[in-house]
Amino acid sequence: MAPFDRILLCYDATPEGRLALRCGAALAQQLHAETHLLAIFDCTYWSSGVDVLSSMKFEVDEQAARETLREGIDWLRAWGVTATGHYSVGNAIDQISRLADSLKVDLIVIGHHPHGFFARWWMGENHALLLDRVSCAVLFEVDD
């Protein structure tokens, strides 16, 4: 039995995300692991106002997140990895931990850079929040 039978790759289309995706794909291939890809539309920073412009911006951002998922699946396919895609709306920590738990993954792979997408929730004590909420290994691929 491989140490990581089920891997969750978190992808946000940043250079750090692409690096983590490639690293996760290599691991998935070597381990013959069941692979899942998660793209998140983090709407927690949206104002509660519902006007036409903010509604249109929300839809554009949501569509971009869905396109990110398609891009990630396409990259994985090109690298010879078959993955199940998952799209979530909400807080990144909540969504990652929820899906990791429901899929019973053994490893989560996330790209990280202080100025990347995940920086919003990774600053301060938020990293501990994710680590405290999952019962699997977490690999942070850092792009220097």
N, C-alpha and C. Protein backbone atom coordinates (compact mmCIF):
# COMPACT_ATOMS: atom_id res chain seq x y z
N MET A 1 0.84 -1.17 0.00
CA MET A 1 0.00 0.00 0.00
C MET A 1 0.89 1.25 0.00
N ALA A 2 0.60 2.17 -0.88
CA ALA A 2 1.36 3.42 -0.97
C ALA A 2 1.04 4.31 0.21
N PRO A 3 2.01 5.14 0.64
CA PRO A 3 1.75 6.02 1.78
C PRO A 3 0.68 7.07 1.47
N PHE A 4 0.52 7.40 0.20
CA PHE A 4 -0.48 8.38 -0.20
C PHE A 4 -1.31 7.78 -1.33
N ASP A 5 -2.45 7.23 -0.98
CA ASP A 5 -3.33 6.61 -1.97
C ASP A 5 -4.26 7.61 -2.64
N ARG A 6 -4.55 8.69 -1.94
CA ARG A 6 -5.52 9.68 -2.43
C ARG A 6 -4.95 11.07 -2.17
N ILE A 7 -4.74 11.85 -3.26
CA ILE A 7 -4.11 13.16 -3.18
C ILE A 7 -5.08 14.24 -3.62
N LEU A 8 -5.09 15.35 -2.86
CA LEU A 8 -5.87 16.53 -3.23
C LEU A 8 -4.90 17.63 -3.61
N LEU A 9 -4.98 18.09 -4.86
CA LEU A 9 -4.16 19.18 -5.34
C LEU A 9 -5.02 20.44 -5.34
N CYS A 10 -4.53 21.51 -4.73
CA CYS A 10 -5.25 22.78 -4.70
C CYS A 10 -4.58 23.68 -5.73
N TYR A 11 -5.38 24.21 -6.66
CA TYR A 11 -4.81 24.94 -7.79
C TYR A 11 -5.46 26.30 -7.95
N ASP A 12 -4.60 27.34 -8.17
CA ASP A 12 -5.13 28.69 -8.32
C ASP A 12 -4.56 29.42 -9.54
N ALA A 13 -3.85 28.73 -10.42
CA ALA A 13 -3.31 29.26 -11.68
C ALA A 13 -2.17 30.26 -11.50
N THR A 14 -1.64 30.42 -10.30
CA THR A 14 -0.47 31.27 -10.10
C THR A 14 0.78 30.45 -10.43
N PRO A 15 1.93 31.10 -10.57
CA PRO A 15 3.16 30.32 -10.79
C PRO A 15 3.40 29.30 -9.67
N GLU A 16 3.12 29.70 -8.43
CA GLU A 16 3.28 28.78 -7.30
C GLU A 16 2.29 27.62 -7.40
N GLY A 17 1.10 27.94 -7.83
CA GLY A 17 0.08 26.90 -8.02
C GLY A 17 0.47 25.91 -9.10
N ARG A 18 1.05 26.42 -10.19
CA ARG A 18 1.51 25.54 -11.28
C ARG A 18 2.65 24.64 -10.81
N LEU A 19 3.56 25.20 -10.02
CA LEU A 19 4.66 24.40 -9.48
C LEU A 19 4.12 23.29 -8.58
N ALA A 20 3.18 23.63 -7.72
CA ALA A 20 2.58 22.63 -6.84
C ALA A 20 1.80 21.59 -7.64
N LEU A 21 1.12 22.03 -8.70
CA LEU A 21 0.38 21.11 -9.54
C LEU A 21 1.32 20.11 -10.20
N ARG A 22 2.45 20.61 -10.70
CA ARG A 22 3.43 19.72 -11.35
C ARG A 22 4.02 18.74 -10.33
N CYS A 23 4.35 19.24 -9.14
CA CYS A 23 4.88 18.38 -8.08
C CYS A 23 3.84 17.32 -7.69
N GLY A 24 2.61 17.76 -7.51
CA GLY A 24 1.53 16.82 -7.16
C GLY A 24 1.28 15.80 -8.24
N ALA A 25 1.38 16.22 -9.50
CA ALA A 25 1.20 15.30 -10.62
C ALA A 25 2.29 14.23 -10.63
N ALA A 26 3.53 14.66 -10.37
CA ALA A 26 4.64 13.70 -10.32
C ALA A 26 4.45 12.69 -9.20
N LEU A 27 4.02 13.18 -8.03
CA LEU A 27 3.75 12.27 -6.92
C LEU A 27 2.62 11.31 -7.26
N ALA A 28 1.56 11.83 -7.84
CA ALA A 28 0.41 10.99 -8.19
C ALA A 28 0.82 9.88 -9.16
N GLN A 29 1.66 10.23 -10.14
CA GLN A 29 2.13 9.23 -11.10
C GLN A 29 2.98 8.17 -10.42
N GLN A 30 3.93 8.61 -9.62
CA GLN A 30 4.84 7.67 -8.96
C GLN A 30 4.11 6.74 -8.00
N LEU A 31 3.12 7.27 -7.33
CA LEU A 31 2.39 6.49 -6.31
C LEU A 31 1.14 5.82 -6.85
N HIS A 32 0.80 6.09 -8.10
CA HIS A 32 -0.46 5.59 -8.68
C HIS A 32 -1.64 5.95 -7.80
N ALA A 33 -1.63 7.19 -7.33
CA ALA A 33 -2.65 7.65 -6.38
C ALA A 33 -3.89 8.18 -7.09
N GLU A 34 -5.00 8.00 -6.45
CA GLU A 34 -6.25 8.63 -6.89
C GLU A 34 -6.05 10.13 -6.69
N THR A 35 -6.34 10.91 -7.73
CA THR A 35 -6.00 12.33 -7.70
C THR A 35 -7.24 13.20 -7.85
N HIS A 36 -7.31 14.22 -7.01
CA HIS A 36 -8.41 15.19 -7.05
C HIS A 36 -7.81 16.58 -7.15
N LEU A 37 -8.48 17.43 -7.92
CA LEU A 37 -8.03 18.81 -8.10
C LEU A 37 -9.13 19.74 -7.62
N LEU A 38 -8.75 20.70 -6.77
CA LEU A 38 -9.70 21.67 -6.22
C LEU A 38 -9.34 23.08 -6.65
N ALA A 39 -10.32 23.77 -7.21
CA ALA A 39 -10.21 25.21 -7.49
C ALA A 39 -11.29 25.88 -6.65
N ILE A 40 -10.92 26.98 -6.00
CA ILE A 40 -11.82 27.65 -5.06
C ILE A 40 -12.10 29.07 -5.51
N PHE A 41 -13.35 29.44 -5.49
CA PHE A 41 -13.73 30.84 -5.66
C PHE A 41 -13.98 31.36 -4.25
N ASP A 42 -13.00 32.07 -3.73
CA ASP A 42 -13.08 32.58 -2.36
C ASP A 42 -13.86 33.89 -2.36
N CYS A 43 -15.12 33.80 -2.03
CA CYS A 43 -16.00 34.98 -2.07
C CYS A 43 -16.13 35.63 -0.69
N THR A 44 -15.30 35.22 0.26
CA THR A 44 -15.42 35.75 1.62
C THR A 44 -15.05 37.23 1.70
N TYR A 45 -14.39 37.74 0.65
CA TYR A 45 -13.96 39.14 0.69
C TYR A 45 -14.91 40.06 -0.07
N TRP A 46 -16.03 39.51 -0.50
CA TRP A 46 -17.03 40.31 -1.21
C TRP A 46 -17.85 41.09 -0.21
N SER A 47 -18.21 42.30 -0.61
CA SER A 47 -19.07 43.10 0.26
C SER A 47 -20.48 42.54 0.20
N SER A 48 -21.28 42.88 1.17
CA SER A 48 -22.65 42.38 1.21
C SER A 48 -23.57 43.17 0.30
N GLY A 49 -23.08 44.26 -0.29
CA GLY A 49 -23.90 45.05 -1.19
C GLY A 49 -24.21 44.28 -2.46
N VAL A 50 -25.42 44.40 -2.93
CA VAL A 50 -25.84 43.70 -4.13
C VAL A 50 -26.23 44.73 -5.17
N ASP A 51 -25.25 45.26 -5.88
CA ASP A 51 -25.56 46.16 -6.96
C ASP A 51 -25.18 45.48 -8.28
N VAL A 52 -25.53 46.06 -9.37
CA VAL A 52 -25.31 45.44 -10.68
C VAL A 52 -23.82 45.25 -10.95
N LEU A 53 -22.99 46.24 -10.65
CA LEU A 53 -21.56 46.12 -10.93
C LEU A 53 -20.90 45.04 -10.09
N SER A 54 -21.21 44.98 -8.80
CA SER A 54 -20.60 43.94 -7.98
C SER A 54 -21.11 42.56 -8.37
N SER A 55 -22.35 42.47 -8.80
CA SER A 55 -22.91 41.20 -9.26
C SER A 55 -22.19 40.73 -10.52
N MET A 56 -21.93 41.66 -11.44
CA MET A 56 -21.22 41.30 -12.66
C MET A 56 -19.78 40.87 -12.34
N LYS A 57 -19.12 41.58 -11.44
CA LYS A 57 -17.74 41.25 -11.04
C LYS A 57 -17.70 39.87 -10.39
N PHE A 58 -18.68 39.57 -9.56
CA PHE A 58 -18.78 38.27 -8.91
C PHE A 58 -18.86 37.17 -9.97
N GLU A 59 -19.70 37.36 -10.97
CA GLU A 59 -19.86 36.36 -12.02
C GLU A 59 -18.58 36.19 -12.83
N VAL A 60 -17.89 37.28 -13.12
CA VAL A 60 -16.62 37.21 -13.85
C VAL A 60 -15.59 36.45 -13.03
N ASP A 61 -15.47 36.75 -11.75
CA ASP A 61 -14.51 36.07 -10.88
C ASP A 61 -14.86 34.59 -10.72
N GLU A 62 -16.14 34.30 -10.61
CA GLU A 62 -16.56 32.90 -10.49
C GLU A 62 -16.22 32.14 -11.77
N GLN A 63 -16.46 32.74 -12.91
CA GLN A 63 -16.13 32.11 -14.19
C GLN A 63 -14.62 31.88 -14.30
N ALA A 64 -13.82 32.83 -13.84
CA ALA A 64 -12.36 32.68 -13.87
C ALA A 64 -11.93 31.50 -13.00
N ALA A 65 -12.56 31.31 -11.86
CA ALA A 65 -12.23 30.18 -10.99
C ALA A 65 -12.60 28.86 -11.66
N ARG A 66 -13.73 28.83 -12.36
CA ARG A 66 -14.11 27.60 -13.09
C ARG A 66 -13.12 27.32 -14.22
N GLU A 67 -12.66 28.37 -14.87
CA GLU A 67 -11.67 28.20 -15.94
C GLU A 67 -10.34 27.70 -15.36
N THR A 68 -10.00 28.15 -14.16
CA THR A 68 -8.80 27.67 -13.48
C THR A 68 -8.87 26.16 -13.27
N LEU A 69 -10.03 25.68 -12.87
CA LEU A 69 -10.21 24.24 -12.68
C LEU A 69 -10.01 23.50 -14.01
N ARG A 70 -10.63 23.99 -15.08
CA ARG A 70 -10.46 23.35 -16.39
C ARG A 70 -8.99 23.35 -16.81
N GLU A 71 -8.31 24.48 -16.60
CA GLU A 71 -6.90 24.58 -16.95
C GLU A 71 -6.08 23.54 -16.18
N GLY A 72 -6.34 23.42 -14.88
CA GLY A 72 -5.61 22.45 -14.06
C GLY A 72 -5.83 21.02 -14.52
N ILE A 73 -7.07 20.69 -14.83
CA ILE A 73 -7.39 19.34 -15.32
C ILE A 73 -6.66 19.09 -16.64
N ASP A 74 -6.65 20.09 -17.52
CA ASP A 74 -5.95 19.96 -18.80
C ASP A 74 -4.46 19.76 -18.61
N TRP A 75 -3.83 20.54 -17.69
CA TRP A 75 -2.41 20.37 -17.40
C TRP A 75 -2.14 18.94 -16.90
N LEU A 76 -2.95 18.48 -15.96
CA LEU A 76 -2.75 17.14 -15.42
C LEU A 76 -2.88 16.09 -16.51
N ARG A 77 -3.89 16.23 -17.36
CA ARG A 77 -4.09 15.28 -18.45
C ARG A 77 -2.86 15.26 -19.37
N ALA A 78 -2.32 16.44 -19.68
CA ALA A 78 -1.12 16.54 -20.53
C ALA A 78 0.08 15.84 -19.88
N TRP A 79 0.12 15.83 -18.56
CA TRP A 79 1.21 15.17 -17.84
C TRP A 79 0.91 13.69 -17.55
N GLY A 80 -0.20 13.20 -18.07
CA GLY A 80 -0.54 11.79 -17.92
C GLY A 80 -1.24 11.43 -16.63
N VAL A 81 -1.85 12.41 -15.98
CA VAL A 81 -2.55 12.16 -14.71
C VAL A 81 -4.05 12.39 -14.91
N THR A 82 -4.84 11.42 -14.53
CA THR A 82 -6.29 11.57 -14.56
C THR A 82 -6.73 12.04 -13.18
N ALA A 83 -7.48 13.12 -13.16
CA ALA A 83 -7.93 13.68 -11.88
C ALA A 83 -9.41 14.01 -11.94
N THR A 84 -10.04 13.94 -10.79
CA THR A 84 -11.41 14.38 -10.65
C THR A 84 -11.39 15.83 -10.20
N GLY A 85 -12.10 16.68 -10.93
CA GLY A 85 -12.12 18.10 -10.61
C GLY A 85 -13.20 18.45 -9.62
N HIS A 86 -12.90 19.39 -8.74
CA HIS A 86 -13.85 19.89 -7.74
C HIS A 86 -13.78 21.41 -7.74
N TYR A 87 -14.93 22.03 -7.74
CA TYR A 87 -15.02 23.48 -7.70
C TYR A 87 -15.79 23.85 -6.45
N SER A 88 -15.26 24.81 -5.69
CA SER A 88 -15.91 25.22 -4.44
C SER A 88 -16.00 26.73 -4.36
N VAL A 89 -17.01 27.20 -3.67
CA VAL A 89 -17.19 28.62 -3.40
C VAL A 89 -17.14 28.80 -1.89
N GLY A 90 -16.28 29.70 -1.42
CA GLY A 90 -16.22 29.98 0.01
C GLY A 90 -14.80 30.19 0.48
N ASN A 91 -14.63 30.19 1.77
CA ASN A 91 -13.35 30.38 2.41
C ASN A 91 -12.42 29.21 2.08
N ALA A 92 -11.18 29.51 1.68
CA ALA A 92 -10.24 28.47 1.25
C ALA A 92 -9.99 27.42 2.32
N ILE A 93 -9.77 27.84 3.55
CA ILE A 93 -9.52 26.87 4.63
C ILE A 93 -10.71 25.95 4.81
N ASP A 94 -11.89 26.52 4.85
CA ASP A 94 -13.11 25.72 5.00
C ASP A 94 -13.28 24.72 3.87
N GLN A 95 -13.08 25.19 2.65
CA GLN A 95 -13.32 24.35 1.49
C GLN A 95 -12.27 23.25 1.35
N ILE A 96 -11.02 23.58 1.59
CA ILE A 96 -9.96 22.56 1.50
C ILE A 96 -10.18 21.49 2.57
N SER A 97 -10.41 21.91 3.80
CA SER A 97 -10.57 20.93 4.88
C SER A 97 -11.84 20.10 4.69
N ARG A 98 -12.91 20.72 4.23
CA ARG A 98 -14.16 19.99 4.00
C ARG A 98 -13.97 18.90 2.95
N LEU A 99 -13.38 19.29 1.81
CA LEU A 99 -13.20 18.31 0.73
C LEU A 99 -12.19 17.23 1.12
N ALA A 100 -11.11 17.61 1.77
CA ALA A 100 -10.11 16.63 2.20
C ALA A 100 -10.74 15.60 3.12
N ASP A 101 -11.59 16.06 4.01
CA ASP A 101 -12.26 15.16 4.94
C ASP A 101 -13.25 14.25 4.21
N SER A 102 -14.06 14.84 3.33
CA SER A 102 -15.08 14.03 2.66
C SER A 102 -14.45 13.00 1.70
N LEU A 103 -13.32 13.34 1.09
CA LEU A 103 -12.64 12.40 0.19
C LEU A 103 -11.71 11.46 0.92
N LYS A 104 -11.43 11.77 2.19
CA LYS A 104 -10.49 10.99 3.00
C LYS A 104 -9.12 10.91 2.31
N VAL A 105 -8.61 12.10 1.94
CA VAL A 105 -7.31 12.15 1.27
C VAL A 105 -6.18 11.92 2.26
N ASP A 106 -5.06 11.46 1.73
CA ASP A 106 -3.87 11.21 2.53
C ASP A 106 -2.89 12.38 2.47
N LEU A 107 -3.01 13.20 1.41
CA LEU A 107 -2.07 14.29 1.19
C LEU A 107 -2.76 15.44 0.47
N ILE A 108 -2.50 16.65 0.94
CA ILE A 108 -2.95 17.87 0.27
C ILE A 108 -1.70 18.57 -0.24
N VAL A 109 -1.70 18.98 -1.51
CA VAL A 109 -0.57 19.71 -2.09
C VAL A 109 -1.05 21.10 -2.46
N ILE A 110 -0.34 22.12 -1.94
CA ILE A 110 -0.72 23.51 -2.13
C ILE A 110 0.52 24.31 -2.51
N GLY A 111 0.38 25.20 -3.48
CA GLY A 111 1.46 26.12 -3.82
C GLY A 111 1.37 27.33 -2.90
N HIS A 112 2.51 27.88 -2.54
CA HIS A 112 2.49 29.02 -1.62
C HIS A 112 3.56 30.03 -2.00
N HIS A 113 3.18 31.27 -1.97
CA HIS A 113 4.09 32.40 -2.11
C HIS A 113 3.47 33.53 -1.30
N PRO A 114 4.26 34.31 -0.60
CA PRO A 114 3.69 35.36 0.24
C PRO A 114 2.74 36.32 -0.48
N HIS A 115 2.85 36.43 -1.79
CA HIS A 115 1.98 37.35 -2.51
C HIS A 115 0.96 36.62 -3.38
N GLY A 116 0.83 35.31 -3.21
CA GLY A 116 -0.09 34.54 -4.03
C GLY A 116 -1.50 34.50 -3.47
N PHE A 117 -2.35 33.76 -4.14
CA PHE A 117 -3.76 33.64 -3.77
C PHE A 117 -3.93 33.18 -2.32
N PHE A 118 -3.15 32.18 -1.93
CA PHE A 118 -3.32 31.62 -0.60
C PHE A 118 -2.75 32.51 0.51
N ALA A 119 -2.04 33.57 0.13
CA ALA A 119 -1.46 34.47 1.14
C ALA A 119 -2.53 35.08 2.02
N ARG A 120 -3.72 35.31 1.47
CA ARG A 120 -4.80 35.91 2.25
C ARG A 120 -5.14 35.09 3.48
N TRP A 121 -5.15 33.79 3.34
CA TRP A 121 -5.51 32.95 4.49
C TRP A 121 -4.29 32.35 5.16
N TRP A 122 -3.12 32.42 4.53
CA TRP A 122 -1.94 31.80 5.10
C TRP A 122 -1.24 32.70 6.11
N MET A 123 -1.49 34.00 6.04
CA MET A 123 -0.84 34.93 6.96
C MET A 123 -1.33 34.70 8.39
N GLY A 124 -0.51 35.05 9.34
CA GLY A 124 -0.91 34.97 10.75
C GLY A 124 -1.12 33.54 11.20
N GLU A 125 -2.21 33.31 11.89
CA GLU A 125 -2.49 31.99 12.46
C GLU A 125 -3.28 31.09 11.52
N ASN A 126 -3.61 31.56 10.33
CA ASN A 126 -4.46 30.79 9.44
C ASN A 126 -3.83 29.47 9.01
N HIS A 127 -2.50 29.42 8.85
CA HIS A 127 -1.87 28.16 8.48
C HIS A 127 -2.16 27.09 9.53
N ALA A 128 -2.14 27.48 10.78
CA ALA A 128 -2.44 26.54 11.86
C ALA A 128 -3.89 26.09 11.79
N LEU A 129 -4.78 26.97 11.37
CA LEU A 129 -6.19 26.60 11.23
C LEU A 129 -6.36 25.45 10.25
N LEU A 130 -5.69 25.52 9.10
CA LEU A 130 -5.80 24.44 8.13
C LEU A 130 -5.19 23.16 8.69
N LEU A 131 -3.98 23.27 9.22
CA LEU A 131 -3.31 22.08 9.75
C LEU A 131 -4.10 21.44 10.88
N ASP A 132 -4.77 22.26 11.70
CA ASP A 132 -5.58 21.73 12.79
C ASP A 132 -6.87 21.09 12.30
N ARG A 133 -7.30 21.43 11.10
CA ARG A 133 -8.60 20.96 10.62
C ARG A 133 -8.52 19.74 9.71
N VAL A 134 -7.33 19.34 9.33
CA VAL A 134 -7.20 18.17 8.46
C VAL A 134 -6.45 17.07 9.20
N SER A 135 -6.73 15.84 8.81
CA SER A 135 -6.07 14.70 9.46
C SER A 135 -5.15 13.97 8.47
N CYS A 136 -4.56 14.75 7.58
CA CYS A 136 -3.65 14.17 6.59
C CYS A 136 -2.42 15.04 6.46
N ALA A 137 -1.47 14.58 5.66
CA ALA A 137 -0.25 15.36 5.42
C ALA A 137 -0.55 16.53 4.49
N VAL A 138 0.19 17.61 4.66
CA VAL A 138 0.06 18.79 3.80
C VAL A 138 1.45 19.14 3.28
N LEU A 139 1.55 19.26 1.96
CA LEU A 139 2.80 19.63 1.31
C LEU A 139 2.62 21.03 0.72
N PHE A 140 3.44 21.96 1.17
CA PHE A 140 3.42 23.31 0.63
C PHE A 140 4.61 23.43 -0.32
N GLU A 141 4.33 23.62 -1.58
CA GLU A 141 5.37 23.81 -2.58
C GLU A 141 5.62 25.31 -2.67
N VAL A 142 6.82 25.75 -2.27
CA VAL A 142 7.14 27.17 -2.20
C VAL A 142 8.02 27.54 -3.39
N ASP A 143 7.62 28.58 -4.09
CA ASP A 143 8.41 29.11 -5.20
C ASP A 143 9.21 30.28 -4.67
N ASP A 144 10.52 30.16 -4.72
CA ASP A 144 11.39 31.23 -4.22
C ASP A 144 11.40 32.31 -5.20
